[in-house]
């Protein structure tokens, strides 16, 4: 019974990993892609490792899988947070469909959201009038 639950958790983890990979390909900017990678891949990898632990039990492989899951669970969100903050401080813009950028407003005085061509044309037309 435990082995069946372990396989189900592994399949769910693989699905999360596939969704994270799909998010890396389909999402528009660095910050959204990092969100997909962090959330989905962390849950997926931890799910796979937990399933391996449930299948193998307290053997050497099971303990290693559990330790790896805990390592991924603690390090992936911290690494993604550090990368996204440094990307924003280096000036990598958010996608033009982003709504709010509180950190960019606090640090730089203006949001770090990409301006679309329509916004730039409208601003140029208003300045000309």
C-alpha atoms as a PDB file:
ATOM      1  CA  UNK A   1       0.000   0.000   0.000  1.00  0.00           C
ATOM      2  CA  UNK A   2       2.799   2.421   0.902  1.00  0.00           C
ATOM      3  CA  UNK A   3       4.566   1.567  -2.362  1.00  0.00           C
ATOM      4  CA  UNK A   4       1.441   2.494  -4.348  1.00  0.00           C
ATOM      5  CA  UNK A   5       1.187   5.835  -2.526  1.00  0.00           C
ATOM      6  CA  UNK A   6       4.892   6.402  -3.237  1.00  0.00           C
ATOM      7  CA  UNK A   7       4.373   5.832  -6.971  1.00  0.00           C
ATOM      8  CA  UNK A   8       1.362   8.165  -7.005  1.00  0.00           C
ATOM      9  CA  UNK A   9       3.418  10.900  -5.308  1.00  0.00           C
ATOM     10  CA  UNK A  10       6.238  10.344  -7.824  1.00  0.00           C
ATOM     11  CA  UNK A  11       3.820  10.726 -10.749  1.00  0.00           C
ATOM     12  CA  UNK A  12       2.403  13.924  -9.224  1.00  0.00           C
ATOM     13  CA  UNK A  13       5.971  15.215  -8.755  1.00  0.00           C
ATOM     14  CA  UNK A  14       6.825  14.481 -12.378  1.00  0.00           C
ATOM     15  CA  UNK A  15       3.688  16.357 -13.475  1.00  0.00           C
ATOM     16  CA  UNK A  16       4.739  19.362 -11.382  1.00  0.00           C
ATOM     17  CA  UNK A  17       8.199  19.237 -12.962  1.00  0.00           C
ATOM     18  CA  UNK A  18       6.664  19.126 -16.440  1.00  0.00           C
ATOM     19  CA  UNK A  19       4.471  22.125 -15.609  1.00  0.00           C
ATOM     20  CA  UNK A  20       7.527  23.996 -14.365  1.00  0.00           C
ATOM     21  CA  UNK A  21       9.352  23.224 -17.608  1.00  0.00           C
ATOM     22  CA  UNK A  22       6.347  24.378 -19.605  1.00  0.00           C
ATOM     23  CA  UNK A  23       6.309  27.600 -17.571  1.00  0.00           C
ATOM     24  CA  UNK A  24       9.980  28.188 -18.369  1.00  0.00           C
ATOM     25  CA  UNK A  25       9.181  28.007 -22.066  1.00  0.00           C
ATOM     26  CA  UNK A  26       5.845  29.836 -22.173  1.00  0.00           C
ATOM     27  CA  UNK A  27       6.000  32.646 -19.612  1.00  0.00           C
ATOM     28  CA  UNK A  28       7.010  36.119 -20.848  1.00  0.00           C
ATOM     29  CA  UNK A  29       9.814  37.414 -18.620  1.00  0.00           C
ATOM     30  CA  UNK A  30      12.551  36.405 -16.217  1.00  0.00           C
ATOM     31  CA  UNK A  31      10.498  36.943 -13.073  1.00  0.00           C
ATOM     32  CA  UNK A  32       7.504  34.886 -14.207  1.00  0.00           C
ATOM     33  CA  UNK A  33       9.800  32.116 -15.416  1.00  0.00           C
ATOM     34  CA  UNK A  34      11.604  32.110 -12.103  1.00  0.00           C
ATOM     35  CA  UNK A  35       8.250  31.807 -10.337  1.00  0.00           C
ATOM     36  CA  UNK A  36       7.380  28.729 -12.402  1.00  0.00           C
ATOM     37  CA  UNK A  37      10.780  27.186 -11.843  1.00  0.00           C
ATOM     38  CA  UNK A  38      10.772  27.798  -8.121  1.00  0.00           C
ATOM     39  CA  UNK A  39       7.242  26.730  -7.280  1.00  0.00           C
ATOM     40  CA  UNK A  40       6.692  23.831  -9.645  1.00  0.00           C
ATOM     41  CA  UNK A  41      10.162  22.356  -9.682  1.00  0.00           C
ATOM     42  CA  UNK A  42      10.503  22.580  -5.905  1.00  0.00           C
ATOM     43  CA  UNK A  43       7.192  20.812  -5.346  1.00  0.00           C
ATOM     44  CA  UNK A  44       7.880  18.336  -8.137  1.00  0.00           C
ATOM     45  CA  UNK A  45      11.373  17.411  -7.022  1.00  0.00           C
ATOM     46  CA  UNK A  46      10.349  17.168  -3.380  1.00  0.00           C
ATOM     47  CA  UNK A  47       7.419  14.980  -4.425  1.00  0.00           C
ATOM     48  CA  UNK A  48       9.681  12.639  -6.373  1.00  0.00           C
ATOM     49  CA  UNK A  49      12.121  12.402  -3.480  1.00  0.00           C
ATOM     50  CA  UNK A  50       9.318  11.806  -0.967  1.00  0.00           C
ATOM     51  CA  UNK A  51       7.904   9.070  -3.190  1.00  0.00           C
ATOM     52  CA  UNK A  52      11.321   7.417  -3.392  1.00  0.00           C
ATOM     53  CA  UNK A  53      11.559   7.597   0.397  1.00  0.00           C
ATOM     54  CA  UNK A  54       8.130   5.966   0.762  1.00  0.00           C
ATOM     55  CA  UNK A  55       9.063   3.178  -1.664  1.00  0.00           C
ATOM     56  CA  UNK A  56      12.504   2.394  -0.237  1.00  0.00           C
ATOM     57  CA  UNK A  57      11.821   3.170   3.419  1.00  0.00           C
ATOM     58  CA  UNK A  58      14.631   3.904   5.869  1.00  0.00           C
ATOM     59  CA  UNK A  59      17.346   2.480   3.627  1.00  0.00           C
ATOM     60  CA  UNK A  60      20.408   4.397   2.466  1.00  0.00           C
ATOM     61  CA  UNK A  61      18.625   5.511  -0.719  1.00  0.00           C
ATOM     62  CA  UNK A  62      15.507   6.577   1.201  1.00  0.00           C
ATOM     63  CA  UNK A  63      17.427   8.694   3.697  1.00  0.00           C
ATOM     64  CA  UNK A  64      19.451  10.313   0.888  1.00  0.00           C
ATOM     65  CA  UNK A  65      16.241  11.103  -0.987  1.00  0.00           C
ATOM     66  CA  UNK A  66      14.734  12.680   2.121  1.00  0.00           C
ATOM     67  CA  UNK A  67      17.862  14.775   2.744  1.00  0.00           C
ATOM     68  CA  UNK A  68      17.896  15.893  -0.910  1.00  0.00           C
ATOM     69  CA  UNK A  69      14.212  16.874  -0.685  1.00  0.00           C
ATOM     70  CA  UNK A  70      14.871  18.976   2.404  1.00  0.00           C
ATOM     71  CA  UNK A  71      17.899  20.592   0.738  1.00  0.00           C
ATOM     72  CA  UNK A  72      15.870  21.503  -2.359  1.00  0.00           C
ATOM     73  CA  UNK A  73      12.972  22.738  -0.217  1.00  0.00           C
ATOM     74  CA  UNK A  74      15.215  25.139   1.693  1.00  0.00           C
ATOM     75  CA  UNK A  75      17.592  26.316  -1.019  1.00  0.00           C
ATOM     76  CA  UNK A  76      15.456  26.797  -4.166  1.00  0.00           C
ATOM     77  CA  UNK A  77      13.187  29.586  -2.822  1.00  0.00           C
ATOM     78  CA  UNK A  78      16.112  31.435  -1.263  1.00  0.00           C
ATOM     79  CA  UNK A  79      18.154  31.223  -4.469  1.00  0.00           C
ATOM     80  CA  UNK A  80      15.233  32.399  -6.612  1.00  0.00           C
ATOM     81  CA  UNK A  81      14.603  35.314  -4.262  1.00  0.00           C
ATOM     82  CA  UNK A  82      18.250  36.389  -4.405  1.00  0.00           C
ATOM     83  CA  UNK A  83      18.353  36.089  -8.199  1.00  0.00           C
ATOM     84  CA  UNK A  84      15.150  38.065  -8.704  1.00  0.00           C
ATOM     85  CA  UNK A  85      16.234  40.884  -6.363  1.00  0.00           C
ATOM     86  CA  UNK A  86      19.609  41.175  -8.042  1.00  0.00           C
ATOM     87  CA  UNK A  87      17.986  41.087 -11.500  1.00  0.00           C
ATOM     88  CA  UNK A  88      15.698  43.935 -10.523  1.00  0.00           C
ATOM     89  CA  UNK A  89      18.566  45.936  -9.064  1.00  0.00           C
ATOM     90  CA  UNK A  90      20.562  45.462 -12.301  1.00  0.00           C
ATOM     91  CA  UNK A  91      17.634  46.929 -14.208  1.00  0.00           C
ATOM     92  CA  UNK A  92      16.047  43.929 -15.900  1.00  0.00           C
ATOM     93  CA  UNK A  93      12.532  45.125 -16.655  1.00  0.00           C
ATOM     94  CA  UNK A  94       9.321  43.370 -15.742  1.00  0.00           C
ATOM     95  CA  UNK A  95       6.950  42.282 -18.485  1.00  0.00           C
ATOM     96  CA  UNK A  96       4.755  45.095 -19.849  1.00  0.00           C
ATOM     97  CA  UNK A  97       1.639  43.264 -18.603  1.00  0.00           C
ATOM     98  CA  UNK A  98       2.880  43.421 -14.998  1.00  0.00           C
ATOM     99  CA  UNK A  99       0.633  45.503 -12.798  1.00  0.00           C
ATOM    100  CA  UNK A 100       2.601  46.383  -9.654  1.00  0.00           C
ATOM    101  CA  UNK A 101       6.292  46.757  -8.852  1.00  0.00           C
ATOM    102  CA  UNK A 102       6.561  47.950  -5.258  1.00  0.00           C
ATOM    103  CA  UNK A 103      10.235  47.048  -4.875  1.00  0.00           C
ATOM    104  CA  UNK A 104      11.191  48.965  -8.024  1.00  0.00           C
ATOM    105  CA  UNK A 105       9.189  51.975  -6.870  1.00  0.00           C
ATOM    106  CA  UNK A 106      10.863  51.900  -3.455  1.00  0.00           C
ATOM    107  CA  UNK A 107      14.423  51.480  -4.727  1.00  0.00           C
ATOM    108  CA  UNK A 108      14.515  53.434  -7.978  1.00  0.00           C
ATOM    109  CA  UNK A 109      11.666  55.877  -7.614  1.00  0.00           C
ATOM    110  CA  UNK A 110       9.788  54.468 -10.602  1.00  0.00           C
ATOM    111  CA  UNK A 111       8.465  51.041 -11.500  1.00  0.00           C
ATOM    112  CA  UNK A 112      10.727  48.792 -13.561  1.00  0.00           C
ATOM    113  CA  UNK A 113       7.954  47.652 -15.918  1.00  0.00           C
ATOM    114  CA  UNK A 114       8.561  47.579 -19.678  1.00  0.00           C
ATOM    115  CA  UNK A 115       6.786  50.284 -21.582  1.00  0.00           C
ATOM    116  CA  UNK A 116       4.896  49.136 -24.641  1.00  0.00           C
ATOM    117  CA  UNK A 117       5.209  50.987 -27.930  1.00  0.00           C
ATOM    118  CA  UNK A 118       1.669  52.329 -27.535  1.00  0.00           C
ATOM    119  CA  UNK A 119       2.565  53.916 -24.182  1.00  0.00           C
ATOM    120  CA  UNK A 120       5.670  55.562 -25.640  1.00  0.00           C
ATOM    121  CA  UNK A 121       3.725  56.889 -28.664  1.00  0.00           C
ATOM    122  CA  UNK A 122       0.997  58.253 -26.398  1.00  0.00           C
ATOM    123  CA  UNK A 123       3.564  59.967 -24.166  1.00  0.00           C
ATOM    124  CA  UNK A 124       5.325  61.481 -27.208  1.00  0.00           C
ATOM    125  CA  UNK A 125       2.003  62.727 -28.601  1.00  0.00           C
ATOM    126  CA  UNK A 126       1.069  64.310 -25.244  1.00  0.00           C
ATOM    127  CA  UNK A 127       4.470  66.045 -25.023  1.00  0.00           C
ATOM    128  CA  UNK A 128       4.051  67.397 -28.573  1.00  0.00           C
ATOM    129  CA  UNK A 129       0.670  68.977 -27.712  1.00  0.00           C
END
